[in-house]
C-alpha atoms as a PDB file:
ATOM      1  CA  UNK A   1     -36.080 -25.613  25.323  1.00  0.00           C
ATOM      2  CA  UNK A   2     -34.432 -28.973  25.966  1.00  0.00           C
ATOM      3  CA  UNK A   3     -32.152 -29.625  28.931  1.00  0.00           C
ATOM      4  CA  UNK A   4     -29.142 -29.761  26.606  1.00  0.00           C
ATOM      5  CA  UNK A   5     -29.929 -26.382  25.094  1.00  0.00           C
ATOM      6  CA  UNK A   6     -30.548 -24.876  28.521  1.00  0.00           C
ATOM      7  CA  UNK A   7     -27.215 -26.233  29.774  1.00  0.00           C
ATOM      8  CA  UNK A   8     -25.434 -24.832  26.703  1.00  0.00           C
ATOM      9  CA  UNK A   9     -27.113 -21.441  27.161  1.00  0.00           C
ATOM     10  CA  UNK A  10     -26.168 -21.312  30.864  1.00  0.00           C
ATOM     11  CA  UNK A  11     -22.541 -22.135  30.131  1.00  0.00           C
ATOM     12  CA  UNK A  12     -22.442 -19.625  27.269  1.00  0.00           C
ATOM     13  CA  UNK A  13     -23.796 -16.904  29.528  1.00  0.00           C
ATOM     14  CA  UNK A  14     -21.287 -17.792  32.259  1.00  0.00           C
ATOM     15  CA  UNK A  15     -18.427 -17.733  29.750  1.00  0.00           C
ATOM     16  CA  UNK A  16     -19.511 -14.393  28.275  1.00  0.00           C
ATOM     17  CA  UNK A  17     -19.797 -12.948  31.784  1.00  0.00           C
ATOM     18  CA  UNK A  18     -16.316 -14.204  32.732  1.00  0.00           C
ATOM     19  CA  UNK A  19     -14.805 -12.669  29.585  1.00  0.00           C
ATOM     20  CA  UNK A  20     -16.552  -9.364  30.266  1.00  0.00           C
ATOM     21  CA  UNK A  21     -15.337  -9.323  33.889  1.00  0.00           C
ATOM     22  CA  UNK A  22     -11.779  -9.606  32.573  1.00  0.00           C
ATOM     23  CA  UNK A  23     -12.373  -6.419  30.571  1.00  0.00           C
ATOM     24  CA  UNK A  24     -12.946  -7.875  27.123  1.00  0.00           C
ATOM     25  CA  UNK A  25     -15.944  -7.288  24.833  1.00  0.00           C
ATOM     26  CA  UNK A  26     -19.034  -9.453  25.090  1.00  0.00           C
ATOM     27  CA  UNK A  27     -18.616 -10.445  21.441  1.00  0.00           C
ATOM     28  CA  UNK A  28     -15.318 -12.184  22.235  1.00  0.00           C
ATOM     29  CA  UNK A  29     -17.039 -14.356  24.832  1.00  0.00           C
ATOM     30  CA  UNK A  30     -19.889 -15.152  22.447  1.00  0.00           C
ATOM     31  CA  UNK A  31     -17.497 -16.207  19.683  1.00  0.00           C
ATOM     32  CA  UNK A  32     -15.381 -18.292  22.050  1.00  0.00           C
ATOM     33  CA  UNK A  33     -18.514 -20.087  23.301  1.00  0.00           C
ATOM     34  CA  UNK A  34     -19.683 -20.671  19.736  1.00  0.00           C
ATOM     35  CA  UNK A  35     -16.326 -22.142  18.712  1.00  0.00           C
ATOM     36  CA  UNK A  36     -16.038 -24.379  21.771  1.00  0.00           C
ATOM     37  CA  UNK A  37     -19.502 -25.739  21.137  1.00  0.00           C
ATOM     38  CA  UNK A  38     -20.090 -27.868  24.244  1.00  0.00           C
ATOM     39  CA  UNK A  39     -20.663 -27.212  27.932  1.00  0.00           C
ATOM     40  CA  UNK A  40     -17.668 -29.415  28.859  1.00  0.00           C
ATOM     41  CA  UNK A  41     -15.343 -27.435  26.608  1.00  0.00           C
ATOM     42  CA  UNK A  42     -16.751 -24.200  28.020  1.00  0.00           C
ATOM     43  CA  UNK A  43     -16.099 -25.509  31.544  1.00  0.00           C
ATOM     44  CA  UNK A  44     -12.446 -26.016  30.612  1.00  0.00           C
ATOM     45  CA  UNK A  45     -12.270 -22.471  29.261  1.00  0.00           C
ATOM     46  CA  UNK A  46     -13.956 -21.098  32.385  1.00  0.00           C
ATOM     47  CA  UNK A  47     -11.402 -22.863  34.580  1.00  0.00           C
ATOM     48  CA  UNK A  48      -8.649 -21.243  32.515  1.00  0.00           C
ATOM     49  CA  UNK A  49     -10.253 -17.794  32.756  1.00  0.00           C
ATOM     50  CA  UNK A  50     -10.829 -18.040  36.515  1.00  0.00           C
ATOM     51  CA  UNK A  51      -7.373 -19.393  37.332  1.00  0.00           C
ATOM     52  CA  UNK A  52      -5.077 -17.687  34.820  1.00  0.00           C
ATOM     53  CA  UNK A  53      -6.946 -14.388  34.321  1.00  0.00           C
ATOM     54  CA  UNK A  54      -5.379 -13.734  30.899  1.00  0.00           C
ATOM     55  CA  UNK A  55      -4.540 -10.129  30.094  1.00  0.00           C
ATOM     56  CA  UNK A  56      -4.853 -10.270  26.299  1.00  0.00           C
ATOM     57  CA  UNK A  57      -7.506 -11.482  23.889  1.00  0.00           C
ATOM     58  CA  UNK A  58      -4.780 -13.441  22.106  1.00  0.00           C
ATOM     59  CA  UNK A  59      -4.229 -15.605  25.198  1.00  0.00           C
ATOM     60  CA  UNK A  60      -7.962 -16.327  25.404  1.00  0.00           C
ATOM     61  CA  UNK A  61      -8.136 -17.262  21.736  1.00  0.00           C
ATOM     62  CA  UNK A  62      -4.982 -19.381  22.023  1.00  0.00           C
ATOM     63  CA  UNK A  63      -6.512 -21.382  24.890  1.00  0.00           C
ATOM     64  CA  UNK A  64      -9.774 -21.739  22.947  1.00  0.00           C
ATOM     65  CA  UNK A  65      -7.836 -23.165  19.991  1.00  0.00           C
ATOM     66  CA  UNK A  66      -5.958 -25.568  22.288  1.00  0.00           C
ATOM     67  CA  UNK A  67      -9.240 -26.816  23.771  1.00  0.00           C
ATOM     68  CA  UNK A  68     -10.768 -27.197  20.291  1.00  0.00           C
ATOM     69  CA  UNK A  69      -7.698 -29.159  19.202  1.00  0.00           C
ATOM     70  CA  UNK A  70      -8.019 -31.477  22.216  1.00  0.00           C
ATOM     71  CA  UNK A  71     -11.702 -32.062  21.461  1.00  0.00           C
ATOM     72  CA  UNK A  72     -10.922 -32.815  17.796  1.00  0.00           C
ATOM     73  CA  UNK A  73      -8.183 -35.243  18.835  1.00  0.00           C
ATOM     74  CA  UNK A  74     -10.593 -37.009  21.179  1.00  0.00           C
ATOM     75  CA  UNK A  75     -13.218 -37.315  18.406  1.00  0.00           C
ATOM     76  CA  UNK A  76     -10.603 -38.692  15.994  1.00  0.00           C
ATOM     77  CA  UNK A  77      -9.409 -41.197  18.598  1.00  0.00           C
ATOM     78  CA  UNK A  78     -12.954 -42.415  19.224  1.00  0.00           C
ATOM     79  CA  UNK A  79     -13.616 -42.740  15.469  1.00  0.00           C
ATOM     80  CA  UNK A  80     -10.378 -44.708  15.033  1.00  0.00           C
ATOM     81  CA  UNK A  81     -11.281 -47.003  17.939  1.00  0.00           C
ATOM     82  CA  UNK A  82     -14.706 -47.660  16.426  1.00  0.00           C
ATOM     83  CA  UNK A  83     -13.223 -48.372  12.988  1.00  0.00           C
ATOM     84  CA  UNK A  84     -10.641 -50.699  14.551  1.00  0.00           C
ATOM     85  CA  UNK A  85     -13.353 -52.579  16.450  1.00  0.00           C
ATOM     86  CA  UNK A  86     -15.348 -53.091  13.226  1.00  0.00           C
ATOM     87  CA  UNK A  87     -12.217 -54.212  11.377  1.00  0.00           C
ATOM     88  CA  UNK A  88     -11.423 -56.734  14.113  1.00  0.00           C
ATOM     89  CA  UNK A  89     -14.995 -57.990  13.959  1.00  0.00           C
ATOM     90  CA  UNK A  90     -14.622 -58.588  10.224  1.00  0.00           C
ATOM     91  CA  UNK A  91     -11.318 -60.396  10.784  1.00  0.00           C
ATOM     92  CA  UNK A  92     -12.843 -62.596  13.468  1.00  0.00           C
ATOM     93  CA  UNK A  93     -16.244 -63.330  11.942  1.00  0.00           C
ATOM     94  CA  UNK A  94     -15.923 -62.584   8.220  1.00  0.00           C
ATOM     95  CA  UNK A  95     -18.067 -60.436   5.968  1.00  0.00           C
ATOM     96  CA  UNK A  96     -21.113 -62.620   5.531  1.00  0.00           C
ATOM     97  CA  UNK A  97     -22.726 -65.830   6.643  1.00  0.00           C
ATOM     98  CA  UNK A  98     -21.430 -69.223   5.553  1.00  0.00           C
ATOM     99  CA  UNK A  99     -24.983 -70.248   4.549  1.00  0.00           C
ATOM    100  CA  UNK A 100     -24.541 -68.570   1.157  1.00  0.00           C
ATOM    101  CA  UNK A 101     -22.078 -71.232  -0.116  1.00  0.00           C
END
């Protein structure tokens, strides 16, 4: 198992355990971990669970959706920045070499 997979598995287990300690089913924790998808996102959810101690599954799911939305926004921002950098490169240097003329 790679380090990444081990890290993901550790965070998943910690998240499932935190959800169970709040009195919710294990399956909820497993699905939340699956949806979040990354150890960093799971860390954010764990901080929420430890500090807020939500009393309903709806609050847990709502926070999961908010975190997923933030992650998606970050990915979109990074993709837009990369596209903008390539566009600026084309504007500054053109599409091809001048040797073809």
